C-alpha atoms as a PDB file:
ATOM      1  CA  MET A   1      -7.140 -18.322 -11.021  1.00  0.00           C
ATOM      2  CA  ARG A   2      -3.939 -16.576 -10.001  1.00  0.00           C
ATOM      3  CA  LEU A   3      -3.488 -13.661  -7.614  1.00  0.00           C
ATOM      4  CA  VAL A   4      -1.130 -10.990  -8.936  1.00  0.00           C
ATOM      5  CA  LEU A   5       0.245  -8.295  -6.636  1.00  0.00           C
ATOM      6  CA  ALA A   6       0.978  -5.108  -8.585  1.00  0.00           C
ATOM      7  CA  SER A   7       3.567  -3.894  -6.095  1.00  0.00           C
ATOM      8  CA  ALA A   8       7.253  -4.282  -5.315  1.00  0.00           C
ATOM      9  CA  SER A   9       6.595  -3.930  -1.567  1.00  0.00           C
ATOM     10  CA  PRO A  10       8.019  -6.855   0.415  1.00  0.00           C
ATOM     11  CA  ALA A  11       5.793  -5.831   3.333  1.00  0.00           C
ATOM     12  CA  ARG A  12       2.610  -6.222   1.262  1.00  0.00           C
ATOM     13  CA  LEU A  13       3.820  -9.565  -0.035  1.00  0.00           C
ATOM     14  CA  SER A  14       4.555 -10.696   3.515  1.00  0.00           C
ATOM     15  CA  VAL A  15       1.061  -9.720   4.703  1.00  0.00           C
ATOM     16  CA  LEU A  16      -0.590 -11.684   1.891  1.00  0.00           C
ATOM     17  CA  ARG A  17       1.598 -14.729   2.441  1.00  0.00           C
ATOM     18  CA  ALA A  18       0.882 -14.689   6.178  1.00  0.00           C
ATOM     19  CA  ALA A  19      -2.816 -14.553   5.264  1.00  0.00           C
ATOM     20  CA  GLY A  20      -2.587 -17.735   3.200  1.00  0.00           C
ATOM     21  CA  LEU A  21      -1.965 -16.409  -0.304  1.00  0.00           C
ATOM     22  CA  ASP A  22       0.984 -16.789  -2.659  1.00  0.00           C
ATOM     23  CA  PRO A  23       0.740 -14.036  -5.261  1.00  0.00           C
ATOM     24  CA  VAL A  24       2.780 -13.490  -8.376  1.00  0.00           C
ATOM     25  CA  VAL A  25       4.576 -10.145  -8.043  1.00  0.00           C
ATOM     26  CA  GLU A  26       4.473  -7.857 -11.061  1.00  0.00           C
ATOM     27  CA  VAL A  27       5.675  -4.288 -10.629  1.00  0.00           C
ATOM     28  CA  SER A  28       3.980  -1.524 -12.612  1.00  0.00           C
ATOM     29  CA  ASP A  29       5.765   1.368 -14.280  1.00  0.00           C
ATOM     30  CA  VAL A  30       3.146   4.036 -13.620  1.00  0.00           C
ATOM     31  CA  ASP A  31       4.350   7.647 -13.607  1.00  0.00           C
ATOM     32  CA  GLU A  32       2.986   8.541 -10.170  1.00  0.00           C
ATOM     33  CA  ASP A  33       4.007  12.199 -10.256  1.00  0.00           C
ATOM     34  CA  ALA A  34       2.270  12.779 -13.589  1.00  0.00           C
ATOM     35  CA  LEU A  35      -0.923  11.104 -12.405  1.00  0.00           C
ATOM     36  CA  LEU A  36      -1.024  13.138  -9.181  1.00  0.00           C
ATOM     37  CA  ALA A  37      -0.335  16.342 -11.105  1.00  0.00           C
ATOM     38  CA  ALA A  38      -3.453  15.636 -13.168  1.00  0.00           C
ATOM     39  CA  ILE A  39      -5.717  15.488 -10.076  1.00  0.00           C
ATOM     40  CA  PRO A  40      -4.416  18.288  -7.800  1.00  0.00           C
ATOM     41  CA  ASP A  41      -7.773  18.920  -6.110  1.00  0.00           C
ATOM     42  CA  ALA A  42      -8.577  15.305  -5.274  1.00  0.00           C
ATOM     43  CA  SER A  43      -8.794  14.152  -1.652  1.00  0.00           C
ATOM     44  CA  PRO A  44      -6.004  12.008  -0.162  1.00  0.00           C
ATOM     45  CA  GLY A  45      -8.183   8.928  -0.505  1.00  0.00           C
ATOM     46  CA  GLU A  46      -8.998   9.711  -4.112  1.00  0.00           C
ATOM     47  CA  LYS A  47      -5.339  10.269  -4.949  1.00  0.00           C
ATOM     48  CA  VAL A  48      -4.028   7.001  -3.532  1.00  0.00           C
ATOM     49  CA  THR A  49      -6.967   5.085  -5.004  1.00  0.00           C
ATOM     50  CA  ALA A  50      -6.263   6.548  -8.440  1.00  0.00           C
ATOM     51  CA  LEU A  51      -2.636   5.447  -8.142  1.00  0.00           C
ATOM     52  CA  ALA A  52      -3.650   1.963  -7.019  1.00  0.00           C
ATOM     53  CA  GLY A  53      -6.079   1.647  -9.916  1.00  0.00           C
ATOM     54  CA  ALA A  54      -3.507   2.790 -12.473  1.00  0.00           C
ATOM     55  CA  LYS A  55      -0.957   0.293 -11.163  1.00  0.00           C
ATOM     56  CA  ALA A  56      -3.418  -2.585 -11.162  1.00  0.00           C
ATOM     57  CA  THR A  57      -4.687  -1.765 -14.650  1.00  0.00           C
ATOM     58  CA  THR A  58      -1.172  -1.555 -16.109  1.00  0.00           C
ATOM     59  CA  VAL A  59      -0.225  -4.891 -14.589  1.00  0.00           C
ATOM     60  CA  ALA A  60      -3.513  -6.558 -15.545  1.00  0.00           C
ATOM     61  CA  ARG A  61      -2.926  -5.771 -19.213  1.00  0.00           C
ATOM     62  CA  ARG A  62       0.627  -7.085 -18.942  1.00  0.00           C
ATOM     63  CA  VAL A  63      -0.287 -10.423 -17.350  1.00  0.00           C
ATOM     64  CA  ALA A  64      -3.437 -11.089 -19.367  1.00  0.00           C
ATOM     65  CA  GLY A  65      -1.590 -13.506 -21.663  1.00  0.00           C
ATOM     66  CA  PRO A  66       0.058 -15.826 -19.129  1.00  0.00           C
ATOM     67  CA  HIS A  67      -2.698 -15.397 -16.515  1.00  0.00           C
ATOM     68  CA  PRO A  68      -6.005 -14.815 -18.380  1.00  0.00           C
ATOM     69  CA  GLY A  69      -8.088 -15.521 -15.273  1.00  0.00           C
ATOM     70  CA  ALA A  70      -5.975 -13.544 -12.807  1.00  0.00           C
ATOM     71  CA  VAL A  71      -7.082 -11.381  -9.924  1.00  0.00           C
ATOM     72  CA  VAL A  72      -4.850  -8.300  -9.746  1.00  0.00           C
ATOM     73  CA  VAL A  73      -4.432  -6.248  -6.574  1.00  0.00           C
ATOM     74  CA  GLY A  74      -2.863  -2.795  -6.703  1.00  0.00           C
ATOM     75  CA  CYS A  75      -2.070  -0.565  -3.698  1.00  0.00           C
ATOM     76  CA  ASP A  76      -0.577   2.814  -2.938  1.00  0.00           C
ATOM     77  CA  SER A  77       0.117   4.279   0.508  1.00  0.00           C
ATOM     78  CA  MET A  78       0.814   7.841   1.635  1.00  0.00           C
ATOM     79  CA  LEU A  79       0.820   9.667   4.962  1.00  0.00           C
ATOM     80  CA  SER A  80      -1.470  12.633   5.468  1.00  0.00           C
ATOM     81  CA  ILE A  81      -0.227  15.061   8.110  1.00  0.00           C
ATOM     82  CA  ASP A  82      -1.056  18.755   8.506  1.00  0.00           C
ATOM     83  CA  GLY A  83      -3.036  18.591   5.279  1.00  0.00           C
ATOM     84  CA  GLU A  84       0.001  17.433   3.302  1.00  0.00           C
ATOM     85  CA  LEU A  85       0.114  14.063   1.574  1.00  0.00           C
ATOM     86  CA  VAL A  86       3.599  12.544   1.529  1.00  0.00           C
ATOM     87  CA  GLY A  87       5.005   9.325   0.144  1.00  0.00           C
ATOM     88  CA  LYS A  88       8.500   7.859   0.342  1.00  0.00           C
ATOM     89  CA  PRO A  89      11.105  10.425   1.433  1.00  0.00           C
ATOM     90  CA  LEU A  90      13.868   8.782  -0.694  1.00  0.00           C
ATOM     91  CA  ASP A  91      16.704  10.695   1.021  1.00  0.00           C
ATOM     92  CA  VAL A  92      17.931  11.111   4.593  1.00  0.00           C
ATOM     93  CA  ASP A  93      17.391  14.866   4.848  1.00  0.00           C
ATOM     94  CA  THR A  94      13.744  14.583   3.794  1.00  0.00           C
ATOM     95  CA  ALA A  95      13.143  11.681   6.163  1.00  0.00           C
ATOM     96  CA  ARG A  96      14.728  13.617   9.035  1.00  0.00           C
ATOM     97  CA  ARG A  97      12.552  16.674   8.382  1.00  0.00           C
ATOM     98  CA  ARG A  98       9.430  14.551   8.273  1.00  0.00           C
ATOM     99  CA  TRP A  99      10.245  12.821  11.533  1.00  0.00           C
ATOM    100  CA  LYS A 100      10.974  16.153  13.237  1.00  0.00           C
ATOM    101  CA  ALA A 101       7.550  17.343  12.075  1.00  0.00           C
ATOM    102  CA  MET A 102       5.539  14.261  13.063  1.00  0.00           C
ATOM    103  CA  ALA A 103       7.267  13.168  16.317  1.00  0.00           C
ATOM    104  CA  GLY A 104       4.823  13.189  19.215  1.00  0.00           C
ATOM    105  CA  ARG A 105       1.884  13.829  16.888  1.00  0.00           C
ATOM    106  CA  THR A 106      -0.622  11.887  14.810  1.00  0.00           C
ATOM    107  CA  GLY A 107      -0.983  11.318  11.095  1.00  0.00           C
ATOM    108  CA  ASP A 108      -3.300   9.346   8.841  1.00  0.00           C
ATOM    109  CA  LEU A 109      -1.824   6.506   6.807  1.00  0.00           C
ATOM    110  CA  VAL A 110      -4.026   6.286   3.714  1.00  0.00           C
ATOM    111  CA  THR A 111      -3.820   3.320   1.342  1.00  0.00           C
ATOM    112  CA  GLY A 112      -5.673   3.076  -1.949  1.00  0.00           C
ATOM    113  CA  HIS A 113      -6.651  -0.397  -3.149  1.00  0.00           C
ATOM    114  CA  ALA A 114      -7.824  -1.719  -6.498  1.00  0.00           C
ATOM    115  CA  VAL A 115      -8.937  -5.276  -7.260  1.00  0.00           C
ATOM    116  CA  LEU A 116      -9.335  -6.254 -10.927  1.00  0.00           C
ATOM    117  CA  ARG A 117     -10.727  -9.604 -12.054  1.00  0.00           C
ATOM    118  CA  LEU A 118      -9.763 -10.881 -15.490  1.00  0.00           C
ATOM    119  CA  VAL A 119     -11.925 -13.209 -17.559  1.00  0.00           C
ATOM    120  CA  ASP A 120     -10.317 -14.689 -20.679  1.00  0.00           C
ATOM    121  CA  GLY A 121      -7.622 -12.024 -20.491  1.00  0.00           C
ATOM    122  CA  ASP A 122     -10.003  -9.066 -20.346  1.00  0.00           C
ATOM    123  CA  ILE A 123     -10.683  -6.862 -17.322  1.00  0.00           C
ATOM    124  CA  ASP A 124     -14.171  -7.986 -16.357  1.00  0.00           C
ATOM    125  CA  ARG A 125     -14.832  -6.482 -12.931  1.00  0.00           C
ATOM    126  CA  VAL A 126     -13.178  -3.715 -10.914  1.00  0.00           C
ATOM    127  CA  ALA A 127     -13.536  -2.691  -7.275  1.00  0.00           C
ATOM    128  CA  GLU A 128     -11.660   0.182  -5.639  1.00  0.00           C
ATOM    129  CA  GLY A 129     -11.487   1.882  -2.272  1.00  0.00           C
ATOM    130  CA  HIS A 130      -9.186   3.234   0.378  1.00  0.00           C
ATOM    131  CA  ALA A 131      -8.531   2.653   4.068  1.00  0.00           C
ATOM    132  CA  THR A 132      -7.281   5.130   6.658  1.00  0.00           C
ATOM    133  CA  THR A 133      -5.484   4.331   9.904  1.00  0.00           C
ATOM    134  CA  THR A 134      -4.455   6.987  12.405  1.00  0.00           C
ATOM    135  CA  VAL A 135      -0.880   6.604  13.658  1.00  0.00           C
ATOM    136  CA  ARG A 136       0.343   8.040  16.963  1.00  0.00           C
ATOM    137  CA  PHE A 137       4.048   8.736  16.647  1.00  0.00           C
ATOM    138  CA  ALA A 138       6.509   8.580  19.514  1.00  0.00           C
ATOM    139  CA  GLU A 139       9.282  11.104  20.063  1.00  0.00           C
ATOM    140  CA  PRO A 140      12.598   9.398  19.319  1.00  0.00           C
ATOM    141  CA  THR A 141      15.691  11.029  20.758  1.00  0.00           C
ATOM    142  CA  ASP A 142      18.084  12.638  18.300  1.00  0.00           C
ATOM    143  CA  ALA A 143      20.420   9.657  18.697  1.00  0.00           C
ATOM    144  CA  GLU A 144      17.586   7.189  18.075  1.00  0.00           C
ATOM    145  CA  LEU A 145      16.401   9.067  15.012  1.00  0.00           C
ATOM    146  CA  GLU A 146      19.879   9.257  13.501  1.00  0.00           C
ATOM    147  CA  ALA A 147      20.391   5.544  14.122  1.00  0.00           C
ATOM    148  CA  TYR A 148      17.056   4.780  12.466  1.00  0.00           C
ATOM    149  CA  LEU A 149      17.840   6.983   9.477  1.00  0.00           C
ATOM    150  CA  ALA A 150      21.212   5.251   9.118  1.00  0.00           C
ATOM    151  CA  THR A 151      19.483   1.891   8.594  1.00  0.00           C
ATOM    152  CA  GLY A 152      17.942   3.154   5.356  1.00  0.00           C
ATOM    153  CA  GLU A 153      14.563   1.674   6.230  1.00  0.00           C
ATOM    154  CA  PRO A 154      12.570   4.926   6.419  1.00  0.00           C
ATOM    155  CA  LEU A 155      13.773   6.149   3.030  1.00  0.00           C
ATOM    156  CA  ALA A 156      11.750   3.696   0.960  1.00  0.00           C
ATOM    157  CA  VAL A 157       8.439   3.570   2.843  1.00  0.00           C
ATOM    158  CA  ALA A 158       5.436   5.886   2.901  1.00  0.00           C
ATOM    159  CA  GLY A 159       5.649   8.351   5.747  1.00  0.00           C
ATOM    160  CA  ALA A 160       9.253   7.384   6.575  1.00  0.00           C
ATOM    161  CA  PHE A 161       8.239   4.705   9.082  1.00  0.00           C
ATOM    162  CA  THR A 162       7.161   1.071   9.346  1.00  0.00           C
ATOM    163  CA  LEU A 163       4.896  -0.801  11.723  1.00  0.00           C
ATOM    164  CA  ASP A 164       6.408  -4.194  10.942  1.00  0.00           C
ATOM    165  CA  GLY A 165      10.103  -3.294  11.156  1.00  0.00           C
ATOM    166  CA  LEU A 166      12.519  -1.057  13.004  1.00  0.00           C
ATOM    167  CA  GLY A 167      10.136   1.876  12.856  1.00  0.00           C
ATOM    168  CA  ALA A 168       7.725   0.091  15.193  1.00  0.00           C
ATOM    169  CA  TRP A 169       9.883   1.222  18.123  1.00  0.00           C
ATOM    170  CA  PHE A 170       8.778   4.780  17.410  1.00  0.00           C
ATOM    171  CA  VAL A 171       5.025   4.241  17.030  1.00  0.00           C
ATOM    172  CA  ASP A 172       3.037   4.650  20.243  1.00  0.00           C
ATOM    173  CA  GLY A 173      -0.160   3.240  18.807  1.00  0.00           C
ATOM    174  CA  ILE A 174      -2.678   3.198  15.989  1.00  0.00           C
ATOM    175  CA  ASP A 175      -6.411   3.628  15.581  1.00  0.00           C
ATOM    176  CA  GLY A 176      -7.702   1.372  12.837  1.00  0.00           C
ATOM    177  CA  ASP A 177      -6.494  -1.550  10.747  1.00  0.00           C
ATOM    178  CA  PRO A 178      -2.828  -2.457  11.370  1.00  0.00           C
ATOM    179  CA  SER A 179      -2.412  -4.263   8.043  1.00  0.00           C
ATOM    180  CA  ASN A 180      -3.319  -1.022   6.291  1.00  0.00           C
ATOM    181  CA  VAL A 181      -0.308   0.681   7.892  1.00  0.00           C
ATOM    182  CA  ILE A 182       1.902  -2.111   6.573  1.00  0.00           C
ATOM    183  CA  GLY A 183       0.544  -1.377   3.120  1.00  0.00           C
ATOM    184  CA  ILE A 184      -2.463  -3.569   2.333  1.00  0.00           C
ATOM    185  CA  SER A 185      -5.701  -3.627   4.322  1.00  0.00           C
ATOM    186  CA  LEU A 186      -6.948  -7.208   4.550  1.00  0.00           C
ATOM    187  CA  PRO A 187     -10.456  -6.186   5.681  1.00  0.00           C
ATOM    188  CA  LEU A 188     -10.788  -3.821   2.717  1.00  0.00           C
ATOM    189  CA  VAL A 189      -9.325  -6.319   0.235  1.00  0.00           C
ATOM    190  CA  ARG A 190     -11.832  -8.900   1.474  1.00  0.00           C
ATOM    191  CA  ARG A 191     -14.695  -6.488   0.752  1.00  0.00           C
ATOM    192  CA  LEU A 192     -13.282  -5.594  -2.665  1.00  0.00           C
ATOM    193  CA  LEU A 193     -12.889  -9.271  -3.537  1.00  0.00           C
ATOM    194  CA  GLY A 194     -16.535  -9.730  -2.606  1.00  0.00           C
ATOM    195  CA  ALA A 195     -17.440  -6.910  -4.985  1.00  0.00           C
ATOM    196  CA  VAL A 196     -15.867  -8.830  -7.888  1.00  0.00           C
ATOM    197  CA  GLY A 197     -17.528 -12.096  -6.872  1.00  0.00           C
ATOM    198  CA  LEU A 198     -14.734 -13.719  -4.888  1.00  0.00           C
ATOM    199  CA  SER A 199     -13.685 -14.502  -1.337  1.00  0.00           C
ATOM    200  CA  PRO A 200     -10.201 -14.847   0.169  1.00  0.00           C
ATOM    201  CA  VAL A 201     -11.110 -18.497   0.642  1.00  0.00           C
ATOM    202  CA  ASP A 202     -11.193 -18.904  -3.149  1.00  0.00           C
ATOM    203  CA  LEU A 203      -7.640 -17.607  -3.315  1.00  0.00           C
ATOM    204  CA  TRP A 204      -6.511 -19.871  -0.450  1.00  0.00           C
ATOM    205  CA  ALA A 205      -7.613 -22.791  -2.583  1.00  0.00           C
ATOM    206  CA  ALA A 206      -5.929 -21.359  -5.668  1.00  0.00           C
ATOM    207  CA  SER A 207      -2.636 -20.885  -3.808  1.00  0.00           C
ATOM    208  CA  THR A 208      -2.616 -24.431  -2.429  1.00  0.00           C
ATOM    209  CA  GLY A 209      -4.194 -26.239  -5.313  1.00  0.00           C
END
């Protein structure tokens, strides 16, 4: 049994490793914009869960040969604020606008999760869900914000901030699961593993065996 993480996120990988797992990383090539365009009326939770499921399914089919008994975990995170669901800003101007809008306020970090269990190379069991954590943002000064933007960190993360990096200086607090803000909710993944007949303990053994 091999755990496969269908994500390029170093933060998600770090969370899983700190929790005793050593996943294989396999990045999907899902067209996220096209998928979201097909479900415009879905809720934030439904949207990120659909993305997570598509990523996990794509990767599961790809790794079925070398890892026929794999457990594949897919995730997708976005920030919901003022009714708008936003992902990675990708450029400095977008990140700056988002921070100006969310400074001193709260937003919901929503992460969709999908756990797929393969048996003899076929997808045998699937469990999906999402977790939401409320984030209370600080109000960085203009100088602090420009310095943060200059690091490049906020450009490649959902909501233009991190909880496990430089962005943590500008988060006053959270309500909910902290690992979810980093990108993968361990409590939710544990429940989803249970739904496909596994426990994290099984994967501890697989990673050390």
